[in-house]
């Protein structure tokens, strides 16, 4: 390494670097991972109760909502989570209603 590289590396003290950007990125990555995992758990619960266990769409939707509420409260999720939970519940409920009327 050249003399200049050593001099500039020694210029900064240990723990002096601004890492707010990295912290924000990691925080958002964790939120994305949490949302993805919870939505997958909800979907698996819905489909398992509705089809694999044969309890029907409404029982599966109840599990979907229960998992969403539980994780939302435990993880202290923000308003975007609650809006997503409400919107997906309404869409799944309307879809279930339409299918039950057609069949």
PDB file of N, CA and C in Angstrom:
ATOM      1  N   UNK A   1       0.836  -1.171   0.000  1.00  0.00           N
ATOM      2  CA  UNK A   1       0.000   0.000   0.000  1.00  0.00           C
ATOM      3  C   UNK A   1       0.882   1.235   0.000  1.00  0.00           C
ATOM      4  N   UNK A   2       0.358   2.298  -0.568  1.00  0.00           N
ATOM      5  CA  UNK A   2       1.151   3.519  -0.645  1.00  0.00           C
ATOM      6  C   UNK A   2       1.076   4.280   0.669  1.00  0.00           C
ATOM      7  N   UNK A   3       1.964   5.231   0.809  1.00  0.00           N
ATOM      8  CA  UNK A   3       2.030   6.072   2.005  1.00  0.00           C
ATOM      9  C   UNK A   3       0.737   6.857   2.190  1.00  0.00           C
ATOM     10  N   UNK A   4       0.147   7.329   1.101  1.00  0.00           N
ATOM     11  CA  UNK A   4      -1.072   8.129   1.181  1.00  0.00           C
ATOM     12  C   UNK A   4      -2.262   7.326   1.700  1.00  0.00           C
ATOM     13  N   UNK A   5      -2.315   6.049   1.319  1.00  0.00           N
ATOM     14  CA  UNK A   5      -3.427   5.210   1.767  1.00  0.00           C
ATOM     15  C   UNK A   5      -3.355   4.979   3.265  1.00  0.00           C
ATOM     16  N   UNK A   6      -2.137   4.768   3.792  1.00  0.00           N
ATOM     17  CA  UNK A   6      -1.979   4.585   5.233  1.00  0.00           C
ATOM     18  C   UNK A   6      -2.299   5.863   5.990  1.00  0.00           C
ATOM     19  N   UNK A   7      -1.915   6.973   5.441  1.00  0.00           N
ATOM     20  CA  UNK A   7      -2.141   8.251   6.119  1.00  0.00           C
ATOM     21  C   UNK A   7      -3.634   8.554   6.196  1.00  0.00           C
ATOM     22  N   UNK A   8      -4.365   8.288   5.097  1.00  0.00           N
ATOM     23  CA  UNK A   8      -5.796   8.593   5.122  1.00  0.00           C
ATOM     24  C   UNK A   8      -6.548   7.587   5.990  1.00  0.00           C
ATOM     25  N   UNK A   9      -6.079   6.336   6.038  1.00  0.00           N
ATOM     26  CA  UNK A   9      -6.738   5.340   6.876  1.00  0.00           C
ATOM     27  C   UNK A   9      -6.537   5.662   8.358  1.00  0.00           C
ATOM     28  N   UNK A  10      -5.374   6.187   8.718  1.00  0.00           N
ATOM     29  CA  UNK A  10      -5.092   6.535  10.100  1.00  0.00           C
ATOM     30  C   UNK A  10      -5.740   7.843  10.516  1.00  0.00           C
ATOM     31  N   UNK A  11      -6.282   8.569   9.551  1.00  0.00           N
ATOM     32  CA  UNK A  11      -6.882   9.876   9.823  1.00  0.00           C
ATOM     33  C   UNK A  11      -8.169   9.749  10.635  1.00  0.00           C
ATOM     34  N   UNK A  12      -8.901   8.663  10.454  1.00  0.00           N
ATOM     35  CA  UNK A  12     -10.178   8.465  11.128  1.00  0.00           C
ATOM     36  C   UNK A  12      -9.969   7.692  12.423  1.00  0.00           C
ATOM     37  N   UNK A  13     -10.637   8.108  13.480  1.00  0.00           N
ATOM     38  CA  UNK A  13     -10.552   7.391  14.745  1.00  0.00           C
ATOM     39  C   UNK A  13     -11.538   6.235  14.784  1.00  0.00           C
ATOM     40  N   UNK A  14     -11.283   5.285  15.629  1.00  0.00           N
ATOM     41  CA  UNK A  14     -12.149   4.118  15.774  1.00  0.00           C
ATOM     42  C   UNK A  14     -13.521   4.558  16.282  1.00  0.00           C
ATOM     43  N   UNK A  15     -14.584   4.109  15.589  1.00  0.00           N
ATOM     44  CA  UNK A  15     -15.943   4.430  16.000  1.00  0.00           C
ATOM     45  C   UNK A  15     -16.403   5.821  15.617  1.00  0.00           C
ATOM     46  N   UNK A  16     -15.709   6.485  14.729  1.00  0.00           N
ATOM     47  CA  UNK A  16     -16.039   7.857  14.359  1.00  0.00           C
ATOM     48  C   UNK A  16     -16.863   7.950  13.074  1.00  0.00           C
ATOM     49  N   UNK A  17     -16.994   6.862  12.356  1.00  0.00           N
ATOM     50  CA  UNK A  17     -17.677   6.897  11.059  1.00  0.00           C
ATOM     51  C   UNK A  17     -19.191   7.045  11.244  1.00  0.00           C
ATOM     52  N   UNK A  18     -19.816   7.848  10.410  1.00  0.00           N
ATOM     53  CA  UNK A  18     -21.265   8.010  10.431  1.00  0.00           C
ATOM     54  C   UNK A  18     -21.904   6.796   9.764  1.00  0.00           C
ATOM     55  N   UNK A  19     -22.676   6.038  10.516  1.00  0.00           N
ATOM     56  CA  UNK A  19     -23.271   4.806   9.991  1.00  0.00           C
ATOM     57  C   UNK A  19     -24.802   4.876   9.952  1.00  0.00           C
ATOM     58  N   UNK A  20     -25.372   6.060   9.998  1.00  0.00           N
ATOM     59  CA  UNK A  20     -26.826   6.180  10.002  1.00  0.00           C
ATOM     60  C   UNK A  20     -27.454   5.597   8.734  1.00  0.00           C
ATOM     61  N   UNK A  21     -26.791   5.774   7.614  1.00  0.00           N
ATOM     62  CA  UNK A  21     -27.297   5.210   6.361  1.00  0.00           C
ATOM     63  C   UNK A  21     -27.346   3.692   6.409  1.00  0.00           C
ATOM     64  N   UNK A  22     -26.297   3.075   6.932  1.00  0.00           N
ATOM     65  CA  UNK A  22     -26.263   1.623   7.047  1.00  0.00           C
ATOM     66  C   UNK A  22     -27.312   1.130   8.044  1.00  0.00           C
ATOM     67  N   UNK A  23     -27.485   1.860   9.144  1.00  0.00           N
ATOM     68  CA  UNK A  23     -28.489   1.471  10.134  1.00  0.00           C
ATOM     69  C   UNK A  23     -29.895   1.537   9.549  1.00  0.00           C
ATOM     70  N   UNK A  24     -30.188   2.591   8.794  1.00  0.00           N
ATOM     71  CA  UNK A  24     -31.497   2.712   8.158  1.00  0.00           C
ATOM     72  C   UNK A  24     -31.734   1.590   7.156  1.00  0.00           C
ATOM     73  N   UNK A  25     -30.710   1.277   6.374  1.00  0.00           N
ATOM     74  CA  UNK A  25     -30.830   0.206   5.389  1.00  0.00           C
ATOM     75  C   UNK A  25     -31.098  -1.126   6.073  1.00  0.00           C
ATOM     76  N   UNK A  26     -30.370  -1.430   7.141  1.00  0.00           N
ATOM     77  CA  UNK A  26     -30.549  -2.690   7.847  1.00  0.00           C
ATOM     78  C   UNK A  26     -31.919  -2.742   8.519  1.00  0.00           C
ATOM     79  N   UNK A  27     -32.358  -1.628   9.088  1.00  0.00           N
ATOM     80  CA  UNK A  27     -33.676  -1.562   9.709  1.00  0.00           C
ATOM     81  C   UNK A  27     -34.771  -1.864   8.686  1.00  0.00           C
ATOM     82  N   UNK A  28     -34.679  -1.258   7.515  1.00  0.00           N
ATOM     83  CA  UNK A  28     -35.674  -1.493   6.478  1.00  0.00           C
ATOM     84  C   UNK A  28     -35.599  -2.916   5.930  1.00  0.00           C
ATOM     85  N   UNK A  29     -34.409  -3.475   5.851  1.00  0.00           N
ATOM     86  CA  UNK A  29     -34.263  -4.871   5.435  1.00  0.00           C
ATOM     87  C   UNK A  29     -34.968  -5.795   6.428  1.00  0.00           C
ATOM     88  N   UNK A  30     -34.781  -5.543   7.730  1.00  0.00           N
ATOM     89  CA  UNK A  30     -35.433  -6.369   8.738  1.00  0.00           C
ATOM     90  C   UNK A  30     -36.958  -6.243   8.672  1.00  0.00           C
ATOM     91  N   UNK A  31     -37.448  -5.022   8.451  1.00  0.00           N
ATOM     92  CA  UNK A  31     -38.896  -4.836   8.302  1.00  0.00           C
ATOM     93  C   UNK A  31     -39.427  -5.587   7.084  1.00  0.00           C
ATOM     94  N   UNK A  32     -38.704  -5.505   5.970  1.00  0.00           N
ATOM     95  CA  UNK A  32     -39.096  -6.218   4.754  1.00  0.00           C
ATOM     96  C   UNK A  32     -39.134  -7.721   5.013  1.00  0.00           C
ATOM     97  N   UNK A  33     -38.121  -8.237   5.698  1.00  0.00           N
ATOM     98  CA  UNK A  33     -38.067  -9.670   6.006  1.00  0.00           C
ATOM     99  C   UNK A  33     -39.207 -10.065   6.934  1.00  0.00           C
ATOM    100  N   UNK A  34     -39.503  -9.243   7.935  1.00  0.00           N
ATOM    101  CA  UNK A  34     -40.601  -9.529   8.851  1.00  0.00           C
ATOM    102  C   UNK A  34     -41.930  -9.551   8.125  1.00  0.00           C
ATOM    103  N   UNK A  35     -42.179  -8.541   7.304  1.00  0.00           N
ATOM    104  CA  UNK A  35     -43.420  -8.483   6.537  1.00  0.00           C
ATOM    105  C   UNK A  35     -43.551  -9.720   5.641  1.00  0.00           C
ATOM    106  N   UNK A  36     -42.486 -10.055   4.950  1.00  0.00           N
ATOM    107  CA  UNK A  36     -42.524 -11.203   4.045  1.00  0.00           C
ATOM    108  C   UNK A  36     -42.810 -12.502   4.778  1.00  0.00           C
ATOM    109  N   UNK A  37     -42.151 -12.700   5.912  1.00  0.00           N
ATOM    110  CA  UNK A  37     -42.360 -13.928   6.689  1.00  0.00           C
ATOM    111  C   UNK A  37     -43.774 -14.000   7.244  1.00  0.00           C
ATOM    112  N   UNK A  38     -44.268 -12.888   7.758  1.00  0.00           N
ATOM    113  CA  UNK A  38     -45.617 -12.889   8.327  1.00  0.00           C
ATOM    114  C   UNK A  38     -46.664 -13.117   7.238  1.00  0.00           C
ATOM    115  N   UNK A  39     -46.509 -12.466   6.093  1.00  0.00           N
ATOM    116  CA  UNK A  39     -47.466 -12.673   5.008  1.00  0.00           C
ATOM    117  C   UNK A  39     -47.447 -14.116   4.517  1.00  0.00           C
ATOM    118  N   UNK A  40     -46.281 -14.744   4.501  1.00  0.00           N
ATOM    119  CA  UNK A  40     -46.201 -16.157   4.130  1.00  0.00           C
ATOM    120  C   UNK A  40     -46.872 -17.035   5.179  1.00  0.00           C
ATOM    121  N   UNK A  41     -46.639 -16.737   6.473  1.00  0.00           N
ATOM    122  CA  UNK A  41     -47.288 -17.506   7.538  1.00  0.00           C
ATOM    123  C   UNK A  41     -48.806 -17.378   7.452  1.00  0.00           C
ATOM    124  N   UNK A  42     -49.280 -16.166   7.198  1.00  0.00           N
ATOM    125  CA  UNK A  42     -50.717 -15.956   7.067  1.00  0.00           C
ATOM    126  C   UNK A  42     -51.288 -16.752   5.897  1.00  0.00           C
ATOM    127  N   UNK A  43     -50.598 -16.698   4.764  1.00  0.00           N
ATOM    128  CA  UNK A  43     -51.071 -17.397   3.573  1.00  0.00           C
ATOM    129  C   UNK A  43     -51.095 -18.903   3.782  1.00  0.00           C
ATOM    130  N   UNK A  44     -50.042 -19.438   4.383  1.00  0.00           N
ATOM    131  CA  UNK A  44     -49.998 -20.879   4.654  1.00  0.00           C
ATOM    132  C   UNK A  44     -51.110 -21.269   5.630  1.00  0.00           C
ATOM    133  N   UNK A  45     -51.322 -20.450   6.664  1.00  0.00           N
ATOM    134  CA  UNK A  45     -52.402 -20.738   7.613  1.00  0.00           C
ATOM    135  C   UNK A  45     -53.765 -20.717   6.945  1.00  0.00           C
ATOM    136  N   UNK A  46     -53.994 -19.705   6.118  1.00  0.00           N
ATOM    137  CA  UNK A  46     -55.264 -19.595   5.394  1.00  0.00           C
ATOM    138  C   UNK A  46     -55.501 -20.813   4.520  1.00  0.00           C
ATOM    139  N   UNK A  47     -54.529 -21.152   3.704  1.00  0.00           N
ATOM    140  CA  UNK A  47     -54.683 -22.263   2.772  1.00  0.00           C
ATOM    141  C   UNK A  47     -54.753 -23.614   3.482  1.00  0.00           C
ATOM    142  N   UNK A  48     -54.016 -23.760   4.578  1.00  0.00           N
ATOM    143  CA  UNK A  48     -54.044 -25.019   5.332  1.00  0.00           C
ATOM    144  C   UNK A  48     -55.408 -25.243   5.968  1.00  0.00           C
ATOM    145  N   UNK A  49     -55.919 -24.219   6.645  1.00  0.00           N
ATOM    146  CA  UNK A  49     -57.217 -24.379   7.293  1.00  0.00           C
ATOM    147  C   UNK A  49     -58.340 -24.525   6.274  1.00  0.00           C
ATOM    148  N   UNK A  50     -58.256 -23.754   5.186  1.00  0.00           N
ATOM    149  CA  UNK A  50     -59.341 -23.769   4.198  1.00  0.00           C
ATOM    150  C   UNK A  50     -59.362 -25.053   3.375  1.00  0.00           C
ATOM    151  N   UNK A  51     -58.206 -25.513   2.927  1.00  0.00           N
ATOM    152  CA  UNK A  51     -58.186 -26.623   1.980  1.00  0.00           C
ATOM    153  C   UNK A  51     -57.622 -27.919   2.557  1.00  0.00           C
ATOM    154  N   UNK A  52     -56.474 -27.869   3.188  1.00  0.00           N
ATOM    155  CA  UNK A  52     -55.851 -29.103   3.682  1.00  0.00           C
ATOM    156  C   UNK A  52     -56.658 -29.704   4.831  1.00  0.00           C
ATOM    157  N   UNK A  53     -57.152 -28.849   5.723  1.00  0.00           N
ATOM    158  CA  UNK A  53     -57.936 -29.354   6.852  1.00  0.00           C
ATOM    159  C   UNK A  53     -59.427 -29.386   6.527  1.00  0.00           C
ATOM    160  N   UNK A  54     -59.814 -28.743   5.438  1.00  0.00           N
ATOM    161  CA  UNK A  54     -61.200 -28.773   4.999  1.00  0.00           C
ATOM    162  C   UNK A  54     -62.167 -27.992   5.880  1.00  0.00           C
ATOM    163  N   UNK A  55     -61.677 -27.006   6.600  1.00  0.00           N
ATOM    164  CA  UNK A  55     -62.539 -26.242   7.509  1.00  0.00           C
ATOM    165  C   UNK A  55     -63.239 -25.076   6.828  1.00  0.00           C
ATOM    166  N   UNK A  56     -62.902 -24.805   5.593  1.00  0.00           N
ATOM    167  CA  UNK A  56     -63.574 -23.748   4.843  1.00  0.00           C
ATOM    168  C   UNK A  56     -62.786 -22.445   4.831  1.00  0.00           C
ATOM    169  N   UNK A  57     -63.194 -21.617   3.885  1.00  0.00           N
ATOM    170  CA  UNK A  57     -62.509 -20.349   3.644  1.00  0.00           C
ATOM    171  C   UNK A  57     -62.569 -19.419   4.848  1.00  0.00           C
ATOM    172  N   UNK A  58     -63.709 -19.376   5.516  1.00  0.00           N
ATOM    173  CA  UNK A  58     -63.889 -18.413   6.608  1.00  0.00           C
ATOM    174  C   UNK A  58     -63.037 -18.774   7.821  1.00  0.00           C
ATOM    175  N   UNK A  59     -62.863 -20.052   8.088  1.00  0.00           N
ATOM    176  CA  UNK A  59     -61.954 -20.469   9.164  1.00  0.00           C
ATOM    177  C   UNK A  59     -60.515 -20.104   8.802  1.00  0.00           C
ATOM    178  N   UNK A  60     -60.158 -20.314   7.552  1.00  0.00           N
ATOM    179  CA  UNK A  60     -58.820 -19.933   7.093  1.00  0.00           C
ATOM    180  C   UNK A  60     -58.596 -18.438   7.170  1.00  0.00           C
ATOM    181  N   UNK A  61     -59.624 -17.671   6.814  1.00  0.00           N
ATOM    182  CA  UNK A  61     -59.514 -16.217   6.900  1.00  0.00           C
ATOM    183  C   UNK A  61     -59.395 -15.765   8.357  1.00  0.00           C
ATOM    184  N   UNK A  62     -60.073 -16.449   9.262  1.00  0.00           N
ATOM    185  CA  UNK A  62     -59.953 -16.121  10.689  1.00  0.00           C
ATOM    186  C   UNK A  62     -58.523 -16.354  11.176  1.00  0.00           C
ATOM    187  N   UNK A  63     -57.899 -17.430  10.719  1.00  0.00           N
ATOM    188  CA  UNK A  63     -56.498 -17.695  11.074  1.00  0.00           C
ATOM    189  C   UNK A  63     -55.601 -16.617  10.481  1.00  0.00           C
ATOM    190  N   UNK A  64     -55.869 -16.234   9.250  1.00  0.00           N
ATOM    191  CA  UNK A  64     -55.103 -15.183   8.575  1.00  0.00           C
ATOM    192  C   UNK A  64     -55.126 -13.897   9.408  1.00  0.00           C
ATOM    193  N   UNK A  65     -56.321 -13.509   9.839  1.00  0.00           N
ATOM    194  CA  UNK A  65     -56.472 -12.279  10.623  1.00  0.00           C
ATOM    195  C   UNK A  65     -55.831 -12.435  11.998  1.00  0.00           C
ATOM    196  N   UNK A  66     -56.012 -13.591  12.635  1.00  0.00           N
ATOM    197  CA  UNK A  66     -55.442 -13.808  13.973  1.00  0.00           C
ATOM    198  C   UNK A  66     -53.922 -13.716  13.954  1.00  0.00           C
ATOM    199  N   UNK A  67     -53.302 -14.326  12.957  1.00  0.00           N
ATOM    200  CA  UNK A  67     -51.836 -14.257  12.848  1.00  0.00           C
ATOM    201  C   UNK A  67     -51.394 -12.819  12.600  1.00  0.00           C
ATOM    202  N   UNK A  68     -52.093 -12.119  11.707  1.00  0.00           N
ATOM    203  CA  UNK A  68     -51.751 -10.725  11.424  1.00  0.00           C
ATOM    204  C   UNK A  68     -51.895  -9.826  12.637  1.00  0.00           C
ATOM    205  N   UNK A  69     -52.977 -10.008  13.388  1.00  0.00           N
ATOM    206  CA  UNK A  69     -53.179  -9.216  14.602  1.00  0.00           C
ATOM    207  C   UNK A  69     -52.121  -9.532  15.654  1.00  0.00           C
ATOM    208  N   UNK A  70     -51.867 -10.821  15.849  1.00  0.00           N
ATOM    209  CA  UNK A  70     -50.895 -11.228  16.861  1.00  0.00           C
ATOM    210  C   UNK A  70     -49.501 -10.690  16.594  1.00  0.00           C
ATOM    211  N   UNK A  71     -49.029 -10.886  15.386  1.00  0.00           N
ATOM    212  CA  UNK A  71     -47.685 -10.400  15.048  1.00  0.00           C
ATOM    213  C   UNK A  71     -47.651  -8.876  15.029  1.00  0.00           C
ATOM    214  N   UNK A  72     -48.716  -8.258  14.529  1.00  0.00           N
ATOM    215  CA  UNK A  72     -48.771  -6.802  14.505  1.00  0.00           C
ATOM    216  C   UNK A  72     -48.670  -6.197  15.889  1.00  0.00           C
ATOM    217  N   UNK A  73     -49.338  -6.807  16.855  1.00  0.00           N
ATOM    218  CA  UNK A  73     -49.278  -6.307  18.222  1.00  0.00           C
ATOM    219  C   UNK A  73     -47.949  -6.630  18.896  1.00  0.00           C
ATOM    220  N   UNK A  74     -47.474  -7.856  18.709  1.00  0.00           N
ATOM    221  CA  UNK A  74     -46.208  -8.255  19.345  1.00  0.00           C
ATOM    222  C   UNK A  74     -45.010  -7.481  18.793  1.00  0.00           C
ATOM    223  N   UNK A  75     -45.003  -7.250  17.497  1.00  0.00           N
ATOM    224  CA  UNK A  75     -43.869  -6.564  16.864  1.00  0.00           C
ATOM    225  C   UNK A  75     -44.070  -5.055  16.813  1.00  0.00           C
ATOM    226  N   UNK A  76     -45.189  -4.571  17.338  1.00  0.00           N
ATOM    227  CA  UNK A  76     -45.497  -3.135  17.349  1.00  0.00           C
ATOM    228  C   UNK A  76     -45.363  -2.539  15.945  1.00  0.00           C
ATOM    229  N   UNK A  77     -46.062  -3.193  15.012  1.00  0.00           N
ATOM    230  CA  UNK A  77     -46.020  -2.759  13.617  1.00  0.00           C
ATOM    231  C   UNK A  77     -46.718  -1.419  13.465  1.00  0.00           C
ATOM    232  N   UNK A  78     -46.328  -0.673  12.460  1.00  0.00           N
ATOM    233  CA  UNK A  78     -46.863   0.657  12.214  1.00  0.00           C
ATOM    234  C   UNK A  78     -48.176   0.645  11.452  1.00  0.00           C
ATOM    235  N   UNK A  79     -48.613   1.836  11.103  1.00  0.00           N
ATOM    236  CA  UNK A  79     -49.885   2.012  10.420  1.00  0.00           C
ATOM    237  C   UNK A  79     -49.957   1.332   9.073  1.00  0.00           C
ATOM    238  N   UNK A  80     -48.839   1.243   8.379  1.00  0.00           N
ATOM    239  CA  UNK A  80     -48.830   0.582   7.065  1.00  0.00           C
ATOM    240  C   UNK A  80     -49.198  -0.891   7.208  1.00  0.00           C
ATOM    241  N   UNK A  81     -48.745  -1.525   8.282  1.00  0.00           N
ATOM    242  CA  UNK A  81     -49.084  -2.928   8.507  1.00  0.00           C
ATOM    243  C   UNK A  81     -50.586  -3.086   8.718  1.00  0.00           C
ATOM    244  N   UNK A  82     -51.158  -2.227   9.549  1.00  0.00           N
ATOM    245  CA  UNK A  82     -52.583  -2.336   9.857  1.00  0.00           C
ATOM    246  C   UNK A  82     -53.419  -2.051   8.615  1.00  0.00           C
ATOM    247  N   UNK A  83     -53.008  -1.096   7.808  1.00  0.00           N
ATOM    248  CA  UNK A  83     -53.723  -0.812   6.563  1.00  0.00           C
ATOM    249  C   UNK A  83     -53.643  -2.003   5.613  1.00  0.00           C
ATOM    250  N   UNK A  84     -52.484  -2.626   5.539  1.00  0.00           N
ATOM    251  CA  UNK A  84     -52.309  -3.799   4.687  1.00  0.00           C
ATOM    252  C   UNK A  84     -53.160  -4.960   5.183  1.00  0.00           C
ATOM    253  N   UNK A  85     -53.175  -5.172   6.492  1.00  0.00           N
ATOM    254  CA  UNK A  85     -53.977  -6.256   7.057  1.00  0.00           C
ATOM    255  C   UNK A  85     -55.462  -6.044   6.783  1.00  0.00           C
ATOM    256  N   UNK A  86     -55.934  -4.822   6.972  1.00  0.00           N
ATOM    257  CA  UNK A  86     -57.346  -4.524   6.714  1.00  0.00           C
ATOM    258  C   UNK A  86     -57.682  -4.704   5.241  1.00  0.00           C
ATOM    259  N   UNK A  87     -56.836  -4.171   4.358  1.00  0.00           N
ATOM    260  CA  UNK A  87     -57.092  -4.259   2.918  1.00  0.00           C
ATOM    261  C   UNK A  87     -57.079  -5.702   2.431  1.00  0.00           C
ATOM    262  N   UNK A  88     -56.099  -6.489   2.856  1.00  0.00           N
ATOM    263  CA  UNK A  88     -56.034  -7.878   2.395  1.00  0.00           C
ATOM    264  C   UNK A  88     -57.185  -8.699   2.966  1.00  0.00           C
ATOM    265  N   UNK A  89     -57.584  -8.401   4.198  1.00  0.00           N
ATOM    266  CA  UNK A  89     -58.714  -9.115   4.788  1.00  0.00           C
ATOM    267  C   UNK A  89     -60.000  -8.819   4.018  1.00  0.00           C
ATOM    268  N   UNK A  90     -60.199  -7.566   3.674  1.00  0.00           N
ATOM    269  CA  UNK A  90     -61.388  -7.195   2.894  1.00  0.00           C
ATOM    270  C   UNK A  90     -61.361  -7.872   1.523  1.00  0.00           C
ATOM    271  N   UNK A  91     -60.219  -7.825   0.857  1.00  0.00           N
ATOM    272  CA  UNK A  91     -60.115  -8.460  -0.468  1.00  0.00           C
ATOM    273  C   UNK A  91     -60.344  -9.960  -0.394  1.00  0.00           C
ATOM    274  N   UNK A  92     -59.762 -10.625   0.599  1.00  0.00           N
ATOM    275  CA  UNK A  92     -59.942 -12.066   0.740  1.00  0.00           C
ATOM    276  C   UNK A  92     -61.381 -12.398   1.130  1.00  0.00           C
ATOM    277  N   UNK A  93     -61.994 -11.544   1.933  1.00  0.00           N
ATOM    278  CA  UNK A  93     -63.383 -11.758   2.310  1.00  0.00           C
ATOM    279  C   UNK A  93     -64.326 -11.594   1.139  1.00  0.00           C
ATOM    280  N   UNK A  94     -64.121 -10.550   0.347  1.00  0.00           N
ATOM    281  CA  UNK A  94     -64.949 -10.336  -0.847  1.00  0.00           C
ATOM    282  C   UNK A  94     -64.746 -11.472  -1.840  1.00  0.00           C
ATOM    283  N   UNK A  95     -63.490 -11.895  -2.019  1.00  0.00           N
ATOM    284  CA  UNK A  95     -63.214 -13.023  -2.913  1.00  0.00           C
ATOM    285  C   UNK A  95     -63.896 -14.298  -2.443  1.00  0.00           C
ATOM    286  N   UNK A  96     -63.839 -14.559  -1.150  1.00  0.00           N
ATOM    287  CA  UNK A  96     -64.509 -15.741  -0.601  1.00  0.00           C
ATOM    288  C   UNK A  96     -66.012 -15.671  -0.756  1.00  0.00           C
ATOM    289  N   UNK A  97     -66.566 -14.478  -0.597  1.00  0.00           N
ATOM    290  CA  UNK A  97     -68.006 -14.285  -0.757  1.00  0.00           C
ATOM    291  C   UNK A  97     -68.433 -14.520  -2.203  1.00  0.00           C
ATOM    292  N   UNK A  98     -67.662 -13.981  -3.127  1.00  0.00           N
ATOM    293  CA  UNK A  98     -67.970 -14.152  -4.553  1.00  0.00           C
ATOM    294  C   UNK A  98     -67.901 -15.625  -4.942  1.00  0.00           C
ATOM    295  N   UNK A  99     -66.858 -16.299  -4.500  1.00  0.00           N
ATOM    296  CA  UNK A  99     -66.701 -17.725  -4.842  1.00  0.00           C
ATOM    297  C   UNK A  99     -67.836 -18.546  -4.239  1.00  0.00           C
ATOM    298  N   UNK A 100     -68.208 -18.231  -2.995  1.00  0.00           N
ATOM    299  CA  UNK A 100     -69.287 -19.009  -2.364  1.00  0.00           C
ATOM    300  C   UNK A 100     -70.636 -18.767  -3.055  1.00  0.00           C
ATOM    301  N   UNK A 101     -70.834 -17.588  -3.622  1.00  0.00           N
ATOM    302  CA  UNK A 101     -72.069 -17.319  -4.351  1.00  0.00           C
ATOM    303  C   UNK A 101     -72.080 -17.991  -5.718  1.00  0.00           C
ATOM    304  N   UNK A 102     -70.922 -18.080  -6.339  1.00  0.00           N
ATOM    305  CA  UNK A 102     -70.822 -18.685  -7.668  1.00  0.00           C
ATOM    306  C   UNK A 102     -70.937 -20.196  -7.580  1.00  0.00           C
ATOM    307  N   UNK A 103     -70.303 -20.779  -6.600  1.00  0.00           N
ATOM    308  CA  UNK A 103     -70.309 -22.246  -6.479  1.00  0.00           C
ATOM    309  C   UNK A 103     -71.501 -22.612  -5.688  1.00  0.00           C
TER     310      UNK A 103
END
